[in-house]
C-alpha atoms as a PDB file:
ATOM      1  CA  UNK A   1      69.508-100.978  35.706  1.00  0.00           C
ATOM      2  CA  UNK A   2      73.024 -99.001  36.317  1.00  0.00           C
ATOM      3  CA  UNK A   3      73.186 -96.553  39.191  1.00  0.00           C
ATOM      4  CA  UNK A   4      72.955 -92.671  38.440  1.00  0.00           C
ATOM      5  CA  UNK A   5      76.320 -91.839  36.922  1.00  0.00           C
ATOM      6  CA  UNK A   6      78.860 -89.771  38.581  1.00  0.00           C
ATOM      7  CA  UNK A   7      82.234 -89.456  39.234  1.00  0.00           C
ATOM      8  CA  UNK A   8      82.347 -92.341  41.859  1.00  0.00           C
ATOM      9  CA  UNK A   9      80.247 -94.814  39.594  1.00  0.00           C
ATOM     10  CA  UNK A  10      82.836 -93.864  36.972  1.00  0.00           C
ATOM     11  CA  UNK A  11      85.870 -94.902  39.036  1.00  0.00           C
ATOM     12  CA  UNK A  12      84.024 -97.699  40.832  1.00  0.00           C
ATOM     13  CA  UNK A  13      81.874 -99.336  38.186  1.00  0.00           C
ATOM     14  CA  UNK A  14      84.141-101.347  36.592  1.00  0.00           C
ATOM     15  CA  UNK A  15      83.366-103.848  33.880  1.00  0.00           C
ATOM     16  CA  UNK A  16      85.935-107.242  33.038  1.00  0.00           C
ATOM     17  CA  UNK A  17      86.405-107.700  29.571  1.00  0.00           C
ATOM     18  CA  UNK A  18      89.221-110.328  28.797  1.00  0.00           C
ATOM     19  CA  UNK A  19      89.867-109.634  25.267  1.00  0.00           C
ATOM     20  CA  UNK A  20      90.779-106.659  26.072  1.00  0.00           C
ATOM     21  CA  UNK A  21      92.651-107.283  29.138  1.00  0.00           C
ATOM     22  CA  UNK A  22      94.448-109.903  27.541  1.00  0.00           C
ATOM     23  CA  UNK A  23      95.423-107.905  24.341  1.00  0.00           C
ATOM     24  CA  UNK A  24      96.503-104.655  26.797  1.00  0.00           C
ATOM     25  CA  UNK A  25      98.951-106.849  29.247  1.00  0.00           C
ATOM     26  CA  UNK A  26     100.614-108.672  26.141  1.00  0.00           C
ATOM     27  CA  UNK A  27     101.580-105.725  24.463  1.00  0.00           C
ATOM     28  CA  UNK A  28     102.737-104.077  27.550  1.00  0.00           C
ATOM     29  CA  UNK A  29     104.662-107.291  28.307  1.00  0.00           C
ATOM     30  CA  UNK A  30     106.088-107.823  25.068  1.00  0.00           C
ATOM     31  CA  UNK A  31     106.884-103.583  25.006  1.00  0.00           C
ATOM     32  CA  UNK A  32     108.537-104.259  28.360  1.00  0.00           C
ATOM     33  CA  UNK A  33     110.572-106.769  27.550  1.00  0.00           C
ATOM     34  CA  UNK A  34     111.591-104.844  24.205  1.00  0.00           C
ATOM     35  CA  UNK A  35     112.840-102.046  26.297  1.00  0.00           C
ATOM     36  CA  UNK A  36     114.954-104.724  28.298  1.00  0.00           C
ATOM     37  CA  UNK A  37     116.138-106.081  24.923  1.00  0.00           C
ATOM     38  CA  UNK A  38     117.470-102.684  23.741  1.00  0.00           C
ATOM     39  CA  UNK A  39     119.338-101.851  26.919  1.00  0.00           C
ATOM     40  CA  UNK A  40     120.707-105.202  26.846  1.00  0.00           C
ATOM     41  CA  UNK A  41     122.135-105.259  23.746  1.00  0.00           C
ATOM     42  CA  UNK A  42     122.840-101.302  23.871  1.00  0.00           C
ATOM     43  CA  UNK A  43     123.743-100.366  27.608  1.00  0.00           C
ATOM     44  CA  UNK A  44     125.104 -96.937  26.038  1.00  0.00           C
ATOM     45  CA  UNK A  45     121.766 -96.103  24.270  1.00  0.00           C
ATOM     46  CA  UNK A  46     118.891 -97.735  25.932  1.00  0.00           C
ATOM     47  CA  UNK A  47     115.318 -97.433  25.152  1.00  0.00           C
ATOM     48  CA  UNK A  48     114.177 -93.578  25.878  1.00  0.00           C
ATOM     49  CA  UNK A  49     111.853 -93.928  29.614  1.00  0.00           C
ATOM     50  CA  UNK A  50     109.639 -91.377  28.299  1.00  0.00           C
ATOM     51  CA  UNK A  51     108.203 -93.373  25.090  1.00  0.00           C
ATOM     52  CA  UNK A  52     107.333 -96.383  27.362  1.00  0.00           C
ATOM     53  CA  UNK A  53     105.385 -94.569  29.616  1.00  0.00           C
ATOM     54  CA  UNK A  54     103.575 -92.840  26.949  1.00  0.00           C
ATOM     55  CA  UNK A  55     102.907 -96.398  24.875  1.00  0.00           C
ATOM     56  CA  UNK A  56     101.696 -98.008  28.674  1.00  0.00           C
ATOM     57  CA  UNK A  57      99.584 -94.683  29.103  1.00  0.00           C
ATOM     58  CA  UNK A  58      98.440 -95.434  25.998  1.00  0.00           C
ATOM     59  CA  UNK A  59      97.247 -98.881  26.696  1.00  0.00           C
ATOM     60  CA  UNK A  60      95.675 -97.612  30.142  1.00  0.00           C
ATOM     61  CA  UNK A  61      93.483 -95.473  27.998  1.00  0.00           C
ATOM     62  CA  UNK A  62      91.871 -98.340  26.266  1.00  0.00           C
ATOM     63  CA  UNK A  63      91.126 -99.991  29.690  1.00  0.00           C
ATOM     64  CA  UNK A  64      89.422 -96.969  30.886  1.00  0.00           C
ATOM     65  CA  UNK A  65      87.958 -96.309  28.174  1.00  0.00           C
ATOM     66  CA  UNK A  66      86.138 -99.974  28.041  1.00  0.00           C
ATOM     67  CA  UNK A  67      86.592-101.449  31.597  1.00  0.00           C
ATOM     68  CA  UNK A  68      85.735 -98.479  33.506  1.00  0.00           C
ATOM     69  CA  UNK A  69      82.878 -96.543  34.170  1.00  0.00           C
ATOM     70  CA  UNK A  70      83.028 -94.891  30.719  1.00  0.00           C
ATOM     71  CA  UNK A  71      83.000 -98.200  29.367  1.00  0.00           C
ATOM     72  CA  UNK A  72      80.048 -99.477  31.902  1.00  0.00           C
ATOM     73  CA  UNK A  73      77.697 -96.600  30.453  1.00  0.00           C
ATOM     74  CA  UNK A  74      78.781 -96.475  26.733  1.00  0.00           C
ATOM     75  CA  UNK A  75      75.491 -98.326  26.236  1.00  0.00           C
ATOM     76  CA  UNK A  76      72.837 -96.247  27.724  1.00  0.00           C
ATOM     77  CA  UNK A  77      74.304 -92.498  27.779  1.00  0.00           C
ATOM     78  CA  UNK A  78      75.042 -91.502  24.103  1.00  0.00           C
ATOM     79  CA  UNK A  79      76.991 -88.832  25.482  1.00  0.00           C
ATOM     80  CA  UNK A  80      78.983 -91.019  27.670  1.00  0.00           C
ATOM     81  CA  UNK A  81      79.589 -93.353  24.079  1.00  0.00           C
ATOM     82  CA  UNK A  82      81.036 -90.178  22.662  1.00  0.00           C
ATOM     83  CA  UNK A  83      83.665 -89.832  25.291  1.00  0.00           C
ATOM     84  CA  UNK A  84      84.432 -93.299  25.021  1.00  0.00           C
ATOM     85  CA  UNK A  85      85.099 -92.572  20.991  1.00  0.00           C
ATOM     86  CA  UNK A  86      87.600 -89.300  21.680  1.00  0.00           C
ATOM     87  CA  UNK A  87      89.450 -91.850  24.102  1.00  0.00           C
ATOM     88  CA  UNK A  88      89.642 -94.314  21.815  1.00  0.00           C
ATOM     89  CA  UNK A  89      90.289 -92.361  18.316  1.00  0.00           C
ATOM     90  CA  UNK A  90      92.113 -89.468  19.356  1.00  0.00           C
ATOM     91  CA  UNK A  91      94.211 -89.704  23.190  1.00  0.00           C
ATOM     92  CA  UNK A  92      95.073 -93.400  22.825  1.00  0.00           C
ATOM     93  CA  UNK A  93      96.346 -93.416  19.299  1.00  0.00           C
ATOM     94  CA  UNK A  94      98.863 -90.436  19.715  1.00  0.00           C
ATOM     95  CA  UNK A  95      99.846 -92.191  22.762  1.00  0.00           C
ATOM     96  CA  UNK A  96     100.887 -95.305  21.373  1.00  0.00           C
ATOM     97  CA  UNK A  97     102.480 -93.298  18.183  1.00  0.00           C
ATOM     98  CA  UNK A  98     104.655 -91.745  20.358  1.00  0.00           C
ATOM     99  CA  UNK A  99     105.780 -95.181  21.786  1.00  0.00           C
ATOM    100  CA  UNK A 100     107.180 -95.589  18.518  1.00  0.00           C
ATOM    101  CA  UNK A 101     106.465 -99.548  18.884  1.00  0.00           C
ATOM    102  CA  UNK A 102     107.566-100.616  15.417  1.00  0.00           C
ATOM    103  CA  UNK A 103     111.171 -98.528  16.060  1.00  0.00           C
ATOM    104  CA  UNK A 104     111.749-100.536  19.395  1.00  0.00           C
ATOM    105  CA  UNK A 105     110.626-103.713  17.440  1.00  0.00           C
ATOM    106  CA  UNK A 106     113.558-103.121  15.258  1.00  0.00           C
ATOM    107  CA  UNK A 107     116.182-102.552  17.594  1.00  0.00           C
ATOM    108  CA  UNK A 108     115.331-105.294  19.800  1.00  0.00           C
ATOM    109  CA  UNK A 109     115.152-107.951  16.988  1.00  0.00           C
ATOM    110  CA  UNK A 110     117.151-109.887  14.872  1.00  0.00           C
ATOM    111  CA  UNK A 111     117.255-111.755  11.896  1.00  0.00           C
ATOM    112  CA  UNK A 112     114.967-112.681  10.620  1.00  0.00           C
ATOM    113  CA  UNK A 113     112.430-110.941  12.245  1.00  0.00           C
ATOM    114  CA  UNK A 114     114.234-107.795  11.517  1.00  0.00           C
ATOM    115  CA  UNK A 115     114.475-108.222   8.371  1.00  0.00           C
ATOM    116  CA  UNK A 116     110.537-109.010   8.260  1.00  0.00           C
ATOM    117  CA  UNK A 117     109.326-106.017  10.094  1.00  0.00           C
ATOM    118  CA  UNK A 118     111.892-103.546   7.893  1.00  0.00           C
ATOM    119  CA  UNK A 119     110.202-105.223   4.637  1.00  0.00           C
ATOM    120  CA  UNK A 120     106.821-104.860   5.693  1.00  0.00           C
ATOM    121  CA  UNK A 121     107.214-100.816   7.074  1.00  0.00           C
ATOM    122  CA  UNK A 122     108.607-100.244   3.464  1.00  0.00           C
ATOM    123  CA  UNK A 123     105.858-102.384   1.752  1.00  0.00           C
ATOM    124  CA  UNK A 124     103.106-101.199  -0.477  1.00  0.00           C
ATOM    125  CA  UNK A 125     100.601-101.459   1.738  1.00  0.00           C
ATOM    126  CA  UNK A 126     101.637 -99.812   4.487  1.00  0.00           C
ATOM    127  CA  UNK A 127     102.820 -96.595   2.118  1.00  0.00           C
ATOM    128  CA  UNK A 128      99.350 -96.660   1.350  1.00  0.00           C
ATOM    129  CA  UNK A 129      98.064 -96.970   4.760  1.00  0.00           C
ATOM    130  CA  UNK A 130      99.952 -94.632   6.300  1.00  0.00           C
ATOM    131  CA  UNK A 131      99.556 -91.729   3.366  1.00  0.00           C
ATOM    132  CA  UNK A 132      97.945 -88.883   5.356  1.00  0.00           C
ATOM    133  CA  UNK A 133      95.016 -88.205   2.513  1.00  0.00           C
ATOM    134  CA  UNK A 134      94.234 -91.957   3.335  1.00  0.00           C
ATOM    135  CA  UNK A 135      94.381 -91.410   6.988  1.00  0.00           C
ATOM    136  CA  UNK A 136      92.653 -88.294   6.821  1.00  0.00           C
ATOM    137  CA  UNK A 137      89.799 -89.680   4.951  1.00  0.00           C
ATOM    138  CA  UNK A 138      89.719 -92.901   6.519  1.00  0.00           C
ATOM    139  CA  UNK A 139      89.112 -90.634   9.838  1.00  0.00           C
ATOM    140  CA  UNK A 140      86.052 -88.388   8.091  1.00  0.00           C
ATOM    141  CA  UNK A 141      84.377 -91.766   7.059  1.00  0.00           C
ATOM    142  CA  UNK A 142      84.661 -93.204  10.648  1.00  0.00           C
ATOM    143  CA  UNK A 143      83.350 -90.347  12.239  1.00  0.00           C
ATOM    144  CA  UNK A 144      80.505 -89.549  10.351  1.00  0.00           C
ATOM    145  CA  UNK A 145      79.137 -93.265   9.377  1.00  0.00           C
ATOM    146  CA  UNK A 146      79.547 -94.368  13.280  1.00  0.00           C
ATOM    147  CA  UNK A 147      77.803 -91.234  14.123  1.00  0.00           C
ATOM    148  CA  UNK A 148      75.316 -89.955  11.505  1.00  0.00           C
ATOM    149  CA  UNK A 149      73.866 -93.266   9.789  1.00  0.00           C
ATOM    150  CA  UNK A 150      71.897 -96.254  10.508  1.00  0.00           C
ATOM    151  CA  UNK A 151      74.982 -97.829  12.429  1.00  0.00           C
ATOM    152  CA  UNK A 152      74.647 -95.552  15.078  1.00  0.00           C
ATOM    153  CA  UNK A 153      71.538 -97.151  16.263  1.00  0.00           C
ATOM    154  CA  UNK A 154      72.721-100.677  15.584  1.00  0.00           C
ATOM    155  CA  UNK A 155      76.180-101.019  17.587  1.00  0.00           C
ATOM    156  CA  UNK A 156      74.668-100.526  20.812  1.00  0.00           C
ATOM    157  CA  UNK A 157      72.486-103.494  19.976  1.00  0.00           C
ATOM    158  CA  UNK A 158      75.420-105.987  18.556  1.00  0.00           C
ATOM    159  CA  UNK A 159      78.569-106.597  21.201  1.00  0.00           C
ATOM    160  CA  UNK A 160      80.360-107.408  18.058  1.00  0.00           C
ATOM    161  CA  UNK A 161      79.696-104.654  16.033  1.00  0.00           C
ATOM    162  CA  UNK A 162      80.328-102.715  19.348  1.00  0.00           C
ATOM    163  CA  UNK A 163      83.891-104.373  19.741  1.00  0.00           C
ATOM    164  CA  UNK A 164      84.927-104.028  16.259  1.00  0.00           C
ATOM    165  CA  UNK A 165      83.851-100.189  16.431  1.00  0.00           C
ATOM    166  CA  UNK A 166      86.373-100.004  19.361  1.00  0.00           C
ATOM    167  CA  UNK A 167      88.875-101.595  17.124  1.00  0.00           C
ATOM    168  CA  UNK A 168      88.344 -99.612  14.291  1.00  0.00           C
ATOM    169  CA  UNK A 169      88.682 -96.216  16.650  1.00  0.00           C
ATOM    170  CA  UNK A 170      92.192 -97.329  17.367  1.00  0.00           C
ATOM    171  CA  UNK A 171      93.101 -98.633  13.916  1.00  0.00           C
ATOM    172  CA  UNK A 172      92.026 -95.274  12.262  1.00  0.00           C
ATOM    173  CA  UNK A 173      93.345 -93.362  14.869  1.00  0.00           C
ATOM    174  CA  UNK A 174      96.274 -94.699  15.029  1.00  0.00           C
ATOM    175  CA  UNK A 175      96.790 -94.442  11.031  1.00  0.00           C
ATOM    176  CA  UNK A 176      95.810 -90.760  10.909  1.00  0.00           C
ATOM    177  CA  UNK A 177      98.257 -89.489  13.979  1.00  0.00           C
ATOM    178  CA  UNK A 178     101.502 -91.933  12.547  1.00  0.00           C
ATOM    179  CA  UNK A 179     102.360 -89.525  10.137  1.00  0.00           C
ATOM    180  CA  UNK A 180     101.456 -86.638  11.465  1.00  0.00           C
ATOM    181  CA  UNK A 181     103.214 -86.760  15.424  1.00  0.00           C
ATOM    182  CA  UNK A 182     105.448 -90.343  14.607  1.00  0.00           C
ATOM    183  CA  UNK A 183     108.911 -90.648  13.957  1.00  0.00           C
ATOM    184  CA  UNK A 184     108.150 -94.532  12.673  1.00  0.00           C
ATOM    185  CA  UNK A 185     110.559 -95.636   9.513  1.00  0.00           C
ATOM    186  CA  UNK A 186     107.686 -95.180   7.218  1.00  0.00           C
ATOM    187  CA  UNK A 187     107.959 -93.955   3.645  1.00  0.00           C
ATOM    188  CA  UNK A 188     106.191 -90.509   4.385  1.00  0.00           C
ATOM    189  CA  UNK A 189     108.085 -87.845   6.222  1.00  0.00           C
ATOM    190  CA  UNK A 190     105.860 -84.893   6.333  1.00  0.00           C
ATOM    191  CA  UNK A 191     107.444 -81.396   6.773  1.00  0.00           C
ATOM    192  CA  UNK A 192     105.465 -78.987   9.833  1.00  0.00           C
ATOM    193  CA  UNK A 193     103.213 -77.530   7.519  1.00  0.00           C
ATOM    194  CA  UNK A 194     101.387 -80.878   5.572  1.00  0.00           C
ATOM    195  CA  UNK A 195     101.142 -81.809   9.473  1.00  0.00           C
ATOM    196  CA  UNK A 196      99.291 -78.982  10.191  1.00  0.00           C
ATOM    197  CA  UNK A 197      96.974 -78.694   7.605  1.00  0.00           C
ATOM    198  CA  UNK A 198      95.895 -82.250   8.060  1.00  0.00           C
ATOM    199  CA  UNK A 199      94.949 -81.589  11.372  1.00  0.00           C
ATOM    200  CA  UNK A 200      93.040 -78.241  10.447  1.00  0.00           C
ATOM    201  CA  UNK A 201      91.308 -80.555   7.159  1.00  0.00           C
ATOM    202  CA  UNK A 202      89.974 -82.874  10.295  1.00  0.00           C
ATOM    203  CA  UNK A 203      88.375 -79.847  12.843  1.00  0.00           C
ATOM    204  CA  UNK A 204      85.519 -79.896  10.361  1.00  0.00           C
ATOM    205  CA  UNK A 205      84.686 -83.376  10.565  1.00  0.00           C
ATOM    206  CA  UNK A 206      84.339 -83.016  14.162  1.00  0.00           C
ATOM    207  CA  UNK A 207      82.479 -79.751  14.105  1.00  0.00           C
ATOM    208  CA  UNK A 208      79.892 -80.983  11.557  1.00  0.00           C
ATOM    209  CA  UNK A 209      79.525 -83.939  13.327  1.00  0.00           C
ATOM    210  CA  UNK A 210      78.407 -82.506  16.365  1.00  0.00           C
ATOM    211  CA  UNK A 211      76.307 -79.935  15.062  1.00  0.00           C
ATOM    212  CA  UNK A 212      74.272 -82.120  13.415  1.00  0.00           C
ATOM    213  CA  UNK A 213      73.547 -84.163  16.757  1.00  0.00           C
ATOM    214  CA  UNK A 214      73.239 -80.987  18.297  1.00  0.00           C
ATOM    215  CA  UNK A 215      70.497 -80.302  16.290  1.00  0.00           C
ATOM    216  CA  UNK A 216      69.354 -83.674  16.458  1.00  0.00           C
ATOM    217  CA  UNK A 217      65.197 -83.831  17.165  1.00  0.00           C
ATOM    218  CA  UNK A 218      65.202 -87.934  18.265  1.00  0.00           C
ATOM    219  CA  UNK A 219      67.281 -89.552  20.643  1.00  0.00           C
ATOM    220  CA  UNK A 220      69.493 -92.544  19.458  1.00  0.00           C
ATOM    221  CA  UNK A 221      72.732 -94.638  19.977  1.00  0.00           C
ATOM    222  CA  UNK A 222      71.544 -96.339  23.328  1.00  0.00           C
ATOM    223  CA  UNK A 223      69.911-100.264  24.451  1.00  0.00           C
ATOM    224  CA  UNK A 224      69.186-100.649  27.625  1.00  0.00           C
ATOM    225  CA  UNK A 225      67.334 -98.788  30.579  1.00  0.00           C
ATOM    226  CA  UNK A 226      68.791 -95.232  31.445  1.00  0.00           C
ATOM    227  CA  UNK A 227      70.087 -94.852  34.812  1.00  0.00           C
ATOM    228  CA  UNK A 228      68.175 -92.546  37.060  1.00  0.00           C
ATOM    229  CA  UNK A 229      68.548 -88.824  36.508  1.00  0.00           C
ATOM    230  CA  UNK A 230      70.415 -89.154  33.412  1.00  0.00           C
ATOM    231  CA  UNK A 231      69.122 -86.613  30.614  1.00  0.00           C
ATOM    232  CA  UNK A 232      66.324 -87.203  28.245  1.00  0.00           C
ATOM    233  CA  UNK A 233      67.412 -89.095  25.037  1.00  0.00           C
ATOM    234  CA  UNK A 234      67.112 -85.902  22.910  1.00  0.00           C
ATOM    235  CA  UNK A 235      69.116 -83.853  25.478  1.00  0.00           C
ATOM    236  CA  UNK A 236      71.393 -86.888  25.817  1.00  0.00           C
ATOM    237  CA  UNK A 237      72.123 -86.524  21.859  1.00  0.00           C
ATOM    238  CA  UNK A 238      72.788 -83.216  21.980  1.00  0.00           C
ATOM    239  CA  UNK A 239      75.115 -83.003  24.977  1.00  0.00           C
ATOM    240  CA  UNK A 240      77.082 -86.011  23.117  1.00  0.00           C
ATOM    241  CA  UNK A 241      77.207 -83.445  19.852  1.00  0.00           C
ATOM    242  CA  UNK A 242      78.612 -80.575  22.133  1.00  0.00           C
ATOM    243  CA  UNK A 243      81.075 -83.100  23.198  1.00  0.00           C
ATOM    244  CA  UNK A 244      82.129 -84.004  19.752  1.00  0.00           C
ATOM    245  CA  UNK A 245      81.947 -80.251  18.763  1.00  0.00           C
ATOM    246  CA  UNK A 246      84.205 -78.944  21.468  1.00  0.00           C
ATOM    247  CA  UNK A 247      86.355 -81.837  23.089  1.00  0.00           C
ATOM    248  CA  UNK A 248      87.167 -83.374  19.491  1.00  0.00           C
ATOM    249  CA  UNK A 249      88.456 -79.424  17.950  1.00  0.00           C
ATOM    250  CA  UNK A 250      89.878 -78.407  21.416  1.00  0.00           C
ATOM    251  CA  UNK A 251      92.004 -81.759  21.364  1.00  0.00           C
ATOM    252  CA  UNK A 252      92.741 -81.358  17.309  1.00  0.00           C
ATOM    253  CA  UNK A 253      94.070 -77.855  18.290  1.00  0.00           C
ATOM    254  CA  UNK A 254      95.983 -79.020  20.684  1.00  0.00           C
ATOM    255  CA  UNK A 255      97.671 -81.688  18.833  1.00  0.00           C
ATOM    256  CA  UNK A 256      97.999 -78.770  16.377  1.00  0.00           C
ATOM    257  CA  UNK A 257     100.038 -76.562  19.285  1.00  0.00           C
ATOM    258  CA  UNK A 258     102.398 -79.680  19.511  1.00  0.00           C
ATOM    259  CA  UNK A 259     102.887 -79.679  15.773  1.00  0.00           C
ATOM    260  CA  UNK A 260     104.240 -76.058  15.984  1.00  0.00           C
ATOM    261  CA  UNK A 261     106.311 -76.816  19.061  1.00  0.00           C
ATOM    262  CA  UNK A 262     107.740 -79.515  17.141  1.00  0.00           C
ATOM    263  CA  UNK A 263     108.612 -77.508  14.227  1.00  0.00           C
ATOM    264  CA  UNK A 264     110.262 -74.995  16.524  1.00  0.00           C
ATOM    265  CA  UNK A 265     112.609 -77.107  18.545  1.00  0.00           C
ATOM    266  CA  UNK A 266     113.580 -78.136  15.039  1.00  0.00           C
ATOM    267  CA  UNK A 267     114.122 -74.813  13.840  1.00  0.00           C
ATOM    268  CA  UNK A 268     116.075 -73.837  16.617  1.00  0.00           C
ATOM    269  CA  UNK A 269     118.316 -77.140  16.767  1.00  0.00           C
ATOM    270  CA  UNK A 270     119.214 -76.016  13.119  1.00  0.00           C
ATOM    271  CA  UNK A 271     119.871 -72.552  14.249  1.00  0.00           C
ATOM    272  CA  UNK A 272     122.073 -74.024  16.986  1.00  0.00           C
ATOM    273  CA  UNK A 273     123.821 -76.261  14.496  1.00  0.00           C
ATOM    274  CA  UNK A 274     123.039 -79.380  16.197  1.00  0.00           C
ATOM    275  CA  UNK A 275     121.709 -80.863  13.108  1.00  0.00           C
ATOM    276  CA  UNK A 276     124.274 -80.473  10.445  1.00  0.00           C
ATOM    277  CA  UNK A 277     126.857 -81.780  13.447  1.00  0.00           C
ATOM    278  CA  UNK A 278     124.927 -84.839  14.101  1.00  0.00           C
ATOM    279  CA  UNK A 279     124.661 -85.219  10.387  1.00  0.00           C
ATOM    280  CA  UNK A 280     128.368 -85.008   9.792  1.00  0.00           C
ATOM    281  CA  UNK A 281     129.160 -87.515  12.701  1.00  0.00           C
ATOM    282  CA  UNK A 282     126.281 -90.418  11.164  1.00  0.00           C
ATOM    283  CA  UNK A 283     127.911 -89.813   7.926  1.00  0.00           C
ATOM    284  CA  UNK A 284     131.404 -88.688   7.550  1.00  0.00           C
ATOM    285  CA  UNK A 285     132.657 -89.462  11.059  1.00  0.00           C
ATOM    286  CA  UNK A 286     135.070 -92.276  10.067  1.00  0.00           C
ATOM    287  CA  UNK A 287     136.956 -89.681   7.125  1.00  0.00           C
ATOM    288  CA  UNK A 288     136.773 -86.918   9.521  1.00  0.00           C
ATOM    289  CA  UNK A 289     139.008 -88.713  12.556  1.00  0.00           C
ATOM    290  CA  UNK A 290     140.999 -90.949  10.104  1.00  0.00           C
ATOM    291  CA  UNK A 291     143.475 -88.547  10.432  1.00  0.00           C
ATOM    292  CA  UNK A 292     143.771 -88.382  14.154  1.00  0.00           C
ATOM    293  CA  UNK A 293     145.395 -91.635  14.483  1.00  0.00           C
ATOM    294  CA  UNK A 294     146.043 -94.822  12.341  1.00  0.00           C
ATOM    295  CA  UNK A 295     143.573 -96.392  11.393  1.00  0.00           C
ATOM    296  CA  UNK A 296     143.016-100.321  13.240  1.00  0.00           C
ATOM    297  CA  UNK A 297     140.086-103.043  13.270  1.00  0.00           C
ATOM    298  CA  UNK A 298     137.062-101.665  15.219  1.00  0.00           C
ATOM    299  CA  UNK A 299     136.680-103.297  18.428  1.00  0.00           C
ATOM    300  CA  UNK A 300     134.253-106.349  18.977  1.00  0.00           C
ATOM    301  CA  UNK A 301     131.694-104.111  21.048  1.00  0.00           C
ATOM    302  CA  UNK A 302     132.456-100.403  20.731  1.00  0.00           C
ATOM    303  CA  UNK A 303     132.209 -99.109  17.065  1.00  0.00           C
ATOM    304  CA  UNK A 304     132.550 -95.746  16.507  1.00  0.00           C
ATOM    305  CA  UNK A 305     131.738 -95.232  20.315  1.00  0.00           C
ATOM    306  CA  UNK A 306     135.248 -96.360  21.675  1.00  0.00           C
ATOM    307  CA  UNK A 307     137.218 -94.186  23.629  1.00  0.00           C
ATOM    308  CA  UNK A 308     139.919 -92.988  20.665  1.00  0.00           C
ATOM    309  CA  UNK A 309     137.115 -92.356  18.203  1.00  0.00           C
ATOM    310  CA  UNK A 310     135.225 -90.311  21.003  1.00  0.00           C
ATOM    311  CA  UNK A 311     138.869 -88.627  21.636  1.00  0.00           C
ATOM    312  CA  UNK A 312     139.517 -87.622  17.990  1.00  0.00           C
ATOM    313  CA  UNK A 313     135.723 -86.791  17.409  1.00  0.00           C
ATOM    314  CA  UNK A 314     136.268 -83.943  20.296  1.00  0.00           C
ATOM    315  CA  UNK A 315     139.078 -82.890  19.010  1.00  0.00           C
ATOM    316  CA  UNK A 316     137.319 -82.040  15.801  1.00  0.00           C
ATOM    317  CA  UNK A 317     134.948 -80.124  17.146  1.00  0.00           C
ATOM    318  CA  UNK A 318     137.263 -78.019  19.308  1.00  0.00           C
ATOM    319  CA  UNK A 319     138.993 -77.126  15.814  1.00  0.00           C
ATOM    320  CA  UNK A 320     135.661 -76.435  14.437  1.00  0.00           C
ATOM    321  CA  UNK A 321     134.579 -74.236  17.457  1.00  0.00           C
ATOM    322  CA  UNK A 322     137.826 -71.973  17.259  1.00  0.00           C
ATOM    323  CA  UNK A 323     137.153 -71.813  13.519  1.00  0.00           C
ATOM    324  CA  UNK A 324     134.253 -70.395  14.289  1.00  0.00           C
ATOM    325  CA  UNK A 325     135.275 -68.172  16.895  1.00  0.00           C
ATOM    326  CA  UNK A 326     137.964 -66.935  14.571  1.00  0.00           C
ATOM    327  CA  UNK A 327     135.546 -66.154  12.098  1.00  0.00           C
ATOM    328  CA  UNK A 328     132.917 -64.228  14.449  1.00  0.00           C
ATOM    329  CA  UNK A 329     136.139 -62.083  16.089  1.00  0.00           C
ATOM    330  CA  UNK A 330     137.177 -61.443  12.157  1.00  0.00           C
END
């Protein structure tokens, strides 16, 4: 029997999972190696550090959810089991999405791997899996199916089903949040209003599941003796329902506020003209600076970012600024 659950037990009562440990360490090493490779190949444009920390934080959440005290008590306390589900479904996947691992792989790789990854991201399979309605349906089926069916009692009794459930939550969460919060080179580019709509449609799934569990009359979803001082089986299920309802909806509402913030930042950049200037730099740069100096072959490493190009580009921006100032004064 496990000791009474509390903060000391959650922090100190760890269990070792060799598969989870090996997978997370391998993912972290490969990701950091990719950032080092990008920094070496493109010293002027290194991989953003905040994305690295986001990805590593996502891996840390997976380890905490499965190997800390939360993972140790997930088979004997249903409300702790629910906390684990929220971590694996709604916390870890968005952090991994923010890390943009596939974009990093494209930047760090060379052919033929680069071409294979690009084809894979543009394939019909990826287009279907990352289609927002598919992600929403997978999210709803996963949440309801693992909490409101006979699987709820079968999963804690089977280590294999329990591990597969963890993988399912990570995969479904990643596919759900990728087109809503990510910037990977996939087919779908949603505007911000549809993103808010999808997040809003996902909230009733958490609410309905939490209410059903909150009004349950029997205990379920645990295996083994209950720790001393733990709530009764029925109260345990009620607590789990409250966590799913209140906690799940609160997290989803937080993501909606994040989308609104992203929307406002993009609108502000558009008003300031940053978006237009960046598009001009990327699409018509050679044309803009063609009159500034005679054409010559591009250097081996500098590309369009060598000193002469940058000087011509800055001169062009100064002309734009002067013309804009004259127009406002007129």
